[in-house]
Structures are given as structure tokens and as C-alpha cells.
């Protein structure tokens, strides 16, 4: 199993008291990725969201990733996601950004795509839509065109329902003979199977606990066997996300987690991701979950909903994800946890966990990328 970091420009409530909160959040998250690079993480994923106040201010993630391409050496930089819907980002512009980042990172870029976070975001670009599944039609029309834009000397052009382009040379071409690995942000079992059939890796932001891996793998690993990849190769890879707090002692880790505002982050998830199934009894915004105390944190750890503890405990918890079949475990870093505590987690995981699980510490190229 490989390890990643997921950042999204989470500002939270601290903007109420700090006029520089947004700036600090973005700059701190670049620091987290740079430290993750030094600590042996394989991936760093940067979200693309629009209009999602407090939850995610990382809207121009291509700029963010371009900076990190220069500031890091080995870590793979991924779009988690680039939104390729023509009404949000013209597909040609997305293809150009991907290829440019592939060059700047010298082959370390990973192309994740998706369809947006929920109605608040989608309706900002496509007013009047009543069924959010409408975006699936646009994404389906578009995704197979990217490898053609990258690999054909002159792209043959496209005439579709939602966008079109005459024959043109799409420049630059990707770094080397192939193209970056392709991923899809999936939120339901059918989405995992669909991504697998197209040969795409999955960014599994919807997986909440270890036991969820069973249905994920059943849907994905069965379908990937008969994949007809839209690109030059199959990216057989399932990434899942979890919040992680690692400290020298269990007591300290629980204390940090209890003060990290995790309840508010979770409330914002369901404020904006209204296409996600809402757990029974979950409060409707603006009502939020009550603050998590140390007893609740211990319960979340026991239910495998949170990675938290000393280095040995975190190693054991990560091995549970490995045994369940996750190809990659990515850690979200809530801004409610201090900069020092977040960097401590990254360093401790890099020192005590990654070397005992990830068997490929070099990380220079994708394990699936190959000459087209």
C-alpha cells in the first residue's frame, strides 16, 4: 500500500478571528506537501472546488500544483480533481494543464477528474439543472478525448452534445511517450465499477471506514479485469481517504484530535456534498454535529473511522487498510489542527509507518505508466 496527502484549502471558522486565515491555510498546505515529499509519501492530491466557503478555498489547484512541482522532488502531484465539464473548464484547457504539469513535475503528475461537489457548486456553472446526474453525461462525453489530445500529433477534433473543437494540435504533449495516469473521483459502488471498466484509478473519497473496502473492491477489482481503457494503460488503483493524527503518545494524539474541530469539518461535508447519502440522524445545516470530546475520539478510533494514536498504533491501523485491500491511503489534514501538530503527524508517519508498508520508496514514476 502507498500513502498520500489530501489538501483542499480548508479555512473553517478561524476566518472569524484572523483576517489572514485564508492565506495562512493555503500557504500551510503547501508546507504540508513539501514535508510529505521529504517524509516519503507517494502522492499529494489537491482538490478543485468553487464557492464552498470555509470548506474549500482551493479553486485554482493547477496554480497550486505548479508551485509544488518546483518545490518538491519525488512526490506525485495529483488533481483531486480537475473538473473537465465544458461549462467549468474547457476540455482542451484541461488537457493543456495536465501536460504542462507533467513537464514541470518531470512525470510526477496524476490526472484525477470528477463532476463537482454537489448542487451548490454545479448550479453555479450550470444554472437550472434539476438532476445532478446530468453532469455524468457531460463527463462521459469528454473523458476518452484526453488521451487523443495528448497522443495524436494533431487531435482529430470533436463534435459532441456539450462541446466541440475542430482539428487542432494540442500543445504541449505530455512528458515522455505516454501520458499521466488517469483517475476518477467515485462516490457510489456503480461509479467504482464504471471507472474500472474505463481503466481508471479511483479516488475513493466516499469510503469512511475499513469495512467499506469490501464493497469497493468487489465492484472495482471484478470490473478492472475486463477493462477497456480510455487511455494508453490500465490504472488498477483504489485510493481511500482518512483523517490521521499521530503523536508521540496515545493521550497526546487523542487530545489533539478532540481539539481539531473534526465535527465542523464533517458538518461542512454534508452541507455541500448533498449528493452523498446523509447518515441517519445527521443534522441539517446550519445545525452542526456537537464538538467531539476525547470519549467520542476514542469511539471513532475503535470504529475505524479515524486513524489516531502513537506511531505503533497508527501503523497497526494503517495495516488494517492494507489488509482490506486499499492500494493507497491518503490522509486529510483539517485546519483545526495546528500547523505544528500537522507537521508532526506527517513526520511521524514518514519515520515509523511508511517504511514498514510501502515497498517502493523511490516513487519516481507511476507504477502503471508505460510507453503508449
Protein backbone atom coordinates (compact mmCIF):
# COMPACT_ATOMS: atom_id res chain seq x y z
CA UNK A 1 0.00 0.00 0.00
CA UNK A 2 1.14 3.53 -0.82
CA UNK A 3 0.50 6.75 1.08
CA UNK A 4 -0.79 10.17 0.12
CA UNK A 5 -1.83 13.53 1.49
CA UNK A 6 -5.07 15.30 0.56
CA UNK A 7 -5.35 19.09 0.78
CA UNK A 8 -8.24 21.36 -0.11
CA UNK A 9 -7.74 24.83 1.33
CA UNK A 10 -9.95 24.24 4.36
CA UNK A 11 -10.35 27.51 6.24
CA UNK A 12 -13.12 26.69 8.72
CA UNK A 13 -14.13 29.13 11.41
CA UNK A 14 -10.76 30.72 12.01
CA UNK A 15 -11.53 33.45 9.45
CA UNK A 16 -13.90 34.89 12.08
CA UNK A 17 -10.91 35.99 14.17
CA UNK A 18 -8.00 36.06 11.71
CA UNK A 19 -8.19 38.25 8.57
CA UNK A 20 -5.28 36.28 7.08
CA UNK A 21 -6.87 32.87 7.70
CA UNK A 22 -7.39 32.09 4.02
CA UNK A 23 -3.82 32.99 3.10
CA UNK A 24 -2.38 31.03 6.01
CA UNK A 25 -4.44 27.96 5.15
CA UNK A 26 -3.19 27.87 1.57
CA UNK A 27 0.44 28.51 2.49
CA UNK A 28 0.40 25.98 5.31
CA UNK A 29 -0.94 23.32 2.96
CA UNK A 30 1.93 23.86 0.55
CA UNK A 31 4.22 23.34 3.54
CA UNK A 32 2.44 20.07 4.39
CA UNK A 33 3.00 18.73 0.87
CA UNK A 34 6.67 19.74 0.93
CA UNK A 35 7.10 17.92 4.25
CA UNK A 36 5.22 14.88 2.90
CA UNK A 37 7.68 14.79 -0.01
CA UNK A 38 10.58 14.74 2.44
CA UNK A 39 8.83 12.11 4.58
CA UNK A 40 8.37 9.53 1.82
CA UNK A 41 4.71 9.97 0.88
CA UNK A 42 3.98 8.87 -2.69
CA UNK A 43 1.08 11.21 -3.52
CA UNK A 44 -0.30 14.67 -2.78
CA UNK A 45 -3.84 15.37 -4.02
CA UNK A 46 -5.20 18.91 -4.35
CA UNK A 47 -8.93 19.49 -4.70
CA UNK A 48 -10.75 21.81 -7.09
CA UNK A 49 -13.82 23.40 -5.52
CA UNK A 50 -15.72 26.59 -6.18
CA UNK A 51 -18.00 28.68 -3.94
CA UNK A 52 -17.59 26.35 -0.93
CA UNK A 53 -16.97 28.86 1.86
CA UNK A 54 -14.90 27.59 4.80
CA UNK A 55 -14.86 24.02 3.42
CA UNK A 56 -12.51 24.52 0.47
CA UNK A 57 -10.91 27.68 -0.90
CA UNK A 58 -8.57 25.79 -3.24
CA UNK A 59 -10.24 26.74 -6.53
CA UNK A 60 -7.18 27.25 -8.79
CA UNK A 61 -5.44 23.99 -7.95
CA UNK A 62 -3.47 23.99 -11.20
CA UNK A 63 -1.61 27.07 -9.95
CA UNK A 64 -1.12 25.45 -6.54
CA UNK A 65 0.25 22.26 -8.14
CA UNK A 66 2.53 24.21 -10.48
CA UNK A 67 4.17 25.81 -7.46
CA UNK A 68 4.57 22.41 -5.80
CA UNK A 69 6.08 20.89 -8.94
CA UNK A 70 9.08 23.17 -8.37
CA UNK A 71 9.05 22.95 -4.57
CA UNK A 72 9.12 19.12 -4.35
CA UNK A 73 11.39 16.37 -5.68
CA UNK A 74 9.72 12.93 -5.63
CA UNK A 75 6.11 13.14 -4.51
CA UNK A 76 3.46 12.60 -7.18
CA UNK A 77 1.16 15.59 -7.55
CA UNK A 78 -2.45 14.83 -8.35
CA UNK A 79 -5.55 16.78 -9.28
CA UNK A 80 -8.16 15.66 -6.84
CA UNK A 81 -9.85 16.81 -9.10
CA UNK A 82 -9.68 18.80 -12.32
CA UNK A 83 -13.29 19.32 -13.34
CA UNK A 84 -13.46 18.69 -17.13
CA UNK A 85 -17.09 19.70 -17.65
CA UNK A 86 -17.05 22.15 -20.54
CA UNK A 87 -19.13 24.68 -18.59
CA UNK A 88 -16.48 24.71 -15.81
CA UNK A 89 -13.18 24.16 -17.65
CA UNK A 90 -12.97 23.66 -21.39
CA UNK A 91 -11.57 20.15 -22.03
CA UNK A 92 -8.74 21.48 -24.21
CA UNK A 93 -7.63 23.77 -21.39
CA UNK A 94 -7.68 20.79 -19.00
CA UNK A 95 -5.57 18.72 -21.41
CA UNK A 96 -3.08 21.57 -21.70
CA UNK A 97 -2.83 21.98 -17.92
CA UNK A 98 -2.27 18.26 -17.39
CA UNK A 99 0.51 18.10 -19.97
CA UNK A 100 2.16 21.25 -18.63
CA UNK A 101 2.15 19.92 -15.07
CA UNK A 102 3.51 16.62 -16.38
CA UNK A 103 6.51 18.53 -17.76
CA UNK A 104 7.05 20.75 -14.73
CA UNK A 105 6.98 17.74 -12.40
CA UNK A 106 9.01 15.60 -14.85
CA UNK A 107 6.46 12.79 -14.96
CA UNK A 108 5.11 13.03 -11.42
CA UNK A 109 1.66 14.37 -12.26
CA UNK A 110 -1.51 12.26 -11.80
CA UNK A 111 -4.74 13.31 -13.54
CA UNK A 112 -7.81 12.91 -11.37
CA UNK A 113 -11.15 14.06 -12.75
CA UNK A 114 -14.70 14.26 -11.47
CA UNK A 115 -18.00 16.08 -11.75
CA UNK A 116 -18.13 18.58 -8.88
CA UNK A 117 -19.10 18.50 -5.21
CA UNK A 118 -22.86 18.98 -5.19
CA UNK A 119 -25.70 21.25 -6.21
CA UNK A 120 -24.24 24.49 -4.77
CA UNK A 121 -21.13 24.11 -6.91
CA UNK A 122 -22.75 22.62 -10.02
CA UNK A 123 -25.60 25.14 -10.20
CA UNK A 124 -23.07 27.96 -10.14
CA UNK A 125 -21.87 26.85 -13.58
CA UNK A 126 -24.94 25.10 -14.97
CA UNK A 127 -27.98 27.02 -13.68
CA UNK A 128 -31.35 25.36 -13.81
CA UNK A 129 -30.21 21.75 -13.63
CA UNK A 130 -32.66 19.71 -11.56
CA UNK A 131 -30.86 16.36 -11.69
CA UNK A 132 -27.20 16.39 -10.65
CA UNK A 133 -26.66 13.21 -12.69
CA UNK A 134 -26.77 15.49 -15.73
CA UNK A 135 -23.06 16.12 -15.15
CA UNK A 136 -22.32 12.41 -15.67
CA UNK A 137 -23.42 12.72 -19.29
CA UNK A 138 -21.00 15.62 -19.86
CA UNK A 139 -18.11 13.82 -18.15
CA UNK A 140 -18.78 10.59 -20.08
CA UNK A 141 -18.72 12.51 -23.35
CA UNK A 142 -15.38 14.08 -22.50
CA UNK A 143 -13.10 11.70 -20.62
CA UNK A 144 -11.99 9.50 -23.54
CA UNK A 145 -10.93 12.55 -25.55
CA UNK A 146 -7.99 13.45 -23.31
CA UNK A 147 -5.63 10.62 -24.39
CA UNK A 148 -6.39 11.51 -28.02
CA UNK A 149 -5.48 15.15 -27.40
CA UNK A 150 -2.21 14.07 -25.77
CA UNK A 151 -1.13 11.29 -28.10
CA UNK A 152 -2.36 12.29 -31.55
CA UNK A 153 0.07 14.58 -33.37
CA UNK A 154 -2.93 16.59 -34.46
CA UNK A 155 -6.08 15.98 -32.48
CA UNK A 156 -8.80 14.89 -34.91
CA UNK A 157 -11.33 17.18 -33.26
CA UNK A 158 -14.64 16.54 -31.58
CA UNK A 159 -18.29 17.28 -32.19
CA UNK A 160 -20.42 16.44 -29.18
CA UNK A 161 -23.60 17.50 -27.46
CA UNK A 162 -21.88 19.72 -24.89
CA UNK A 163 -18.69 20.93 -26.60
CA UNK A 164 -16.85 20.78 -29.89
CA UNK A 165 -13.46 21.54 -31.41
CA UNK A 166 -12.12 21.40 -34.98
CA UNK A 167 -8.85 19.52 -35.66
CA UNK A 168 -6.01 21.21 -33.78
CA UNK A 169 -2.57 20.46 -32.38
CA UNK A 170 -2.96 20.37 -28.60
CA UNK A 171 0.28 21.55 -27.01
CA UNK A 172 2.36 20.75 -25.11
CA UNK A 173 2.36 16.99 -25.44
CA UNK A 174 2.93 15.08 -22.18
CA UNK A 175 6.40 14.41 -20.85
CA UNK A 176 7.82 11.24 -22.43
CA UNK A 177 5.98 8.83 -24.69
CA UNK A 178 2.92 8.13 -22.55
CA UNK A 179 0.51 10.31 -20.57
CA UNK A 180 -0.19 10.76 -16.84
CA UNK A 181 -2.17 8.11 -15.01
CA UNK A 182 -5.91 8.82 -15.05
CA UNK A 183 -8.23 8.66 -12.03
CA UNK A 184 -11.91 9.26 -11.26
CA UNK A 185 -13.43 10.57 -8.01
CA UNK A 186 -16.13 8.00 -7.24
CA UNK A 187 -18.93 8.31 -4.71
CA UNK A 188 -21.00 5.15 -5.14
CA UNK A 189 -20.49 1.42 -5.93
CA UNK A 190 -21.65 1.78 -9.56
CA UNK A 191 -19.12 4.60 -10.03
CA UNK A 192 -16.27 2.34 -8.93
CA UNK A 193 -17.29 -0.30 -11.46
CA UNK A 194 -17.70 2.31 -14.21
CA UNK A 195 -14.23 3.72 -13.54
CA UNK A 196 -12.74 0.22 -13.58
CA UNK A 197 -14.29 -0.58 -16.94
CA UNK A 198 -12.61 2.52 -18.35
CA UNK A 199 -9.24 1.53 -16.82
CA UNK A 200 -9.25 4.47 -14.40
CA UNK A 201 -7.92 4.54 -10.87
CA UNK A 202 -10.44 5.57 -8.23
CA UNK A 203 -10.19 8.42 -5.74
CA UNK A 204 -12.42 6.95 -3.05
CA UNK A 205 -13.44 9.97 -1.02
CA UNK A 206 -16.67 8.19 -0.06
CA UNK A 207 -15.00 5.34 1.85
CA UNK A 208 -15.47 6.09 5.55
CA UNK A 209 -14.15 3.02 7.36
CA UNK A 210 -12.15 -0.15 6.78
CA UNK A 211 -15.25 -2.32 6.42
CA UNK A 212 -16.35 -0.17 3.46
CA UNK A 213 -13.45 -1.59 1.46
CA UNK A 214 -15.33 -4.84 0.89
CA UNK A 215 -17.95 -3.40 -1.44
CA UNK A 216 -15.42 -1.03 -3.04
CA UNK A 217 -13.07 -3.83 -4.02
CA UNK A 218 -15.89 -6.13 -5.11
CA UNK A 219 -17.19 -3.50 -7.52
CA UNK A 220 -13.81 -2.32 -8.74
CA UNK A 221 -11.46 -5.30 -8.82
CA UNK A 222 -14.01 -7.52 -10.59
CA UNK A 223 -14.63 -4.96 -13.33
CA UNK A 224 -10.97 -3.95 -13.83
CA UNK A 225 -10.13 -7.43 -15.12
CA UNK A 226 -12.08 -6.73 -18.31
CA UNK A 227 -11.22 -3.05 -18.58
CA UNK A 228 -11.22 -1.34 -21.94
CA UNK A 229 -9.02 1.61 -21.01
CA UNK A 230 -9.82 5.02 -22.42
CA UNK A 231 -6.10 5.80 -22.15
CA UNK A 232 -2.84 4.12 -23.01
CA UNK A 233 -2.83 1.80 -19.98
CA UNK A 234 -4.94 0.49 -17.10
CA UNK A 235 -4.50 2.28 -13.77
CA UNK A 236 -5.62 -0.52 -11.40
CA UNK A 237 -5.58 1.56 -8.22
CA UNK A 238 -8.03 2.40 -5.42
CA UNK A 239 -7.21 5.34 -3.15
CA UNK A 240 -9.15 5.91 0.08
CA UNK A 241 -9.00 8.83 2.48
CA UNK A 242 -8.97 9.05 6.26
CA UNK A 243 -8.16 11.73 8.79
CA UNK A 244 -4.93 10.96 10.65
CA UNK A 245 -3.39 12.29 13.84
CA UNK A 246 -0.12 10.80 15.06
CA UNK A 247 1.73 11.95 18.20
CA UNK A 248 4.42 10.52 20.48
CA UNK A 249 1.75 9.15 22.87
CA UNK A 250 -1.82 7.95 22.53
CA UNK A 251 -3.01 10.51 25.08
CA UNK A 252 -1.50 13.40 23.16
CA UNK A 253 -2.94 12.22 19.84
CA UNK A 254 -6.45 11.98 21.31
CA UNK A 255 -6.10 15.43 22.87
CA UNK A 256 -5.06 16.91 19.52
CA UNK A 257 -7.94 15.20 17.71
CA UNK A 258 -10.50 16.38 20.27
CA UNK A 259 -9.40 19.97 19.72
CA UNK A 260 -9.26 19.76 15.94
CA UNK A 261 -12.79 20.76 15.04
CA UNK A 262 -13.46 17.47 13.26
CA UNK A 263 -17.19 17.79 13.95
CA UNK A 264 -17.34 21.04 11.98
CA UNK A 265 -15.43 19.65 9.02
CA UNK A 266 -17.83 16.69 8.86
CA UNK A 267 -20.81 19.05 9.03
CA UNK A 268 -19.43 21.06 6.11
CA UNK A 269 -19.04 17.87 4.07
CA UNK A 270 -22.77 17.28 4.16
CA UNK A 271 -23.54 20.97 3.78
CA UNK A 272 -22.01 20.98 0.31
CA UNK A 273 -21.87 17.33 -0.80
CA UNK A 274 -25.63 16.99 -0.91
CA UNK A 275 -25.39 14.13 -3.38
CA UNK A 276 -23.76 11.96 -0.67
CA UNK A 277 -26.17 9.72 1.31
CA UNK A 278 -26.78 11.54 4.60
CA UNK A 279 -26.34 9.29 7.65
CA UNK A 280 -29.49 8.74 9.69
CA UNK A 281 -29.87 11.43 12.32
CA UNK A 282 -27.18 13.66 10.86
CA UNK A 283 -28.05 17.35 11.45
CA UNK A 284 -29.11 19.56 8.55
CA UNK A 285 -27.06 22.74 8.02
CA UNK A 286 -26.82 25.27 9.66
CA UNK A 287 -27.09 22.84 12.57
CA UNK A 288 -23.79 21.02 13.10
CA UNK A 289 -22.57 17.98 14.92
CA UNK A 290 -21.67 18.62 18.56
CA UNK A 291 -17.99 19.07 19.33
CA UNK A 292 -16.04 15.85 19.66
CA UNK A 293 -14.66 15.20 23.13
CA UNK A 294 -11.97 12.64 23.93
CA UNK A 295 -14.58 9.94 24.56
CA UNK A 296 -16.01 10.43 21.07
CA UNK A 297 -12.50 10.37 19.58
CA UNK A 298 -11.83 7.02 21.29
CA UNK A 299 -15.11 5.73 19.83
CA UNK A 300 -14.14 6.88 16.32
CA UNK A 301 -10.80 5.10 16.67
CA UNK A 302 -12.50 1.90 17.85
CA UNK A 303 -14.95 2.05 14.91
CA UNK A 304 -12.02 2.56 12.49
CA UNK A 305 -13.40 5.93 11.41
CA UNK A 306 -10.25 7.79 12.44
CA UNK A 307 -6.54 6.99 12.36
CA UNK A 308 -5.21 8.29 15.64
CA UNK A 309 -2.61 7.29 18.20
CA UNK A 310 1.08 6.85 18.79
CA UNK A 311 3.28 5.61 15.90
CA UNK A 312 2.79 1.92 16.72
CA UNK A 313 -0.98 2.34 16.94
CA UNK A 314 -1.12 4.27 13.67
CA UNK A 315 0.98 1.57 12.00
CA UNK A 316 -1.49 -1.09 13.17
CA UNK A 317 -4.44 0.98 11.97
CA UNK A 318 -2.85 1.53 8.55
CA UNK A 319 -2.12 -2.18 8.23
CA UNK A 320 -5.85 -2.79 8.61
CA UNK A 321 -6.43 -0.71 5.46
CA UNK A 322 -3.63 -2.59 3.71
CA UNK A 323 -5.13 -5.96 4.68
CA UNK A 324 -8.55 -4.80 3.44
CA UNK A 325 -7.04 -4.21 0.01
CA UNK A 326 -6.54 -0.45 -0.29
CA UNK A 327 -3.89 0.39 -2.88
CA UNK A 328 -3.36 3.86 -1.42
CA UNK A 329 -4.27 5.54 1.85
CA UNK A 330 -4.40 9.34 1.75
CA UNK A 331 -4.64 11.48 4.86
CA UNK A 332 -6.78 14.59 5.12
CA UNK A 333 -5.35 17.31 7.34
CA UNK A 334 -8.07 19.51 8.93
CA UNK A 335 -7.01 23.10 9.50
CA UNK A 336 -8.39 22.92 13.05
CA UNK A 337 -5.28 21.01 14.00
CA UNK A 338 -2.31 23.33 14.44
CA UNK A 339 0.48 23.62 11.90
CA UNK A 340 2.97 22.10 14.37
CA UNK A 341 0.73 19.12 15.15
CA UNK A 342 0.02 18.50 11.47
CA UNK A 343 3.70 18.54 10.55
CA UNK A 344 4.35 16.21 13.48
CA UNK A 345 1.83 13.72 12.09
CA UNK A 346 3.44 13.82 8.65
CA UNK A 347 6.94 13.35 10.05
CA UNK A 348 5.99 10.52 12.42
CA UNK A 349 4.10 8.64 9.71
CA UNK A 350 7.08 9.08 7.41
CA UNK A 351 9.52 7.78 10.04
CA UNK A 352 7.54 4.93 11.59
CA UNK A 353 4.73 3.84 9.26
CA UNK A 354 5.55 4.29 5.58
CA UNK A 355 8.88 2.38 5.63
CA UNK A 356 7.10 -0.67 7.07
CA UNK A 357 4.30 -0.75 4.49
CA UNK A 358 5.33 0.98 1.25
CA UNK A 359 7.90 -1.19 -0.52
CA UNK A 360 8.75 1.32 -3.25
CA UNK A 361 10.40 4.32 -1.58
CA UNK A 362 11.82 5.80 -4.81
CA UNK A 363 8.46 6.96 -6.25
CA UNK A 364 9.90 8.47 -9.40
CA UNK A 365 7.27 7.13 -11.80
CA UNK A 366 3.74 5.79 -11.71
CA UNK A 367 3.70 2.04 -11.20
CA UNK A 368 1.32 1.75 -14.16
CA UNK A 369 2.61 4.37 -16.57
CA UNK A 370 4.26 2.91 -19.65
CA UNK A 371 5.04 3.80 -23.24
CA UNK A 372 1.89 4.15 -25.33
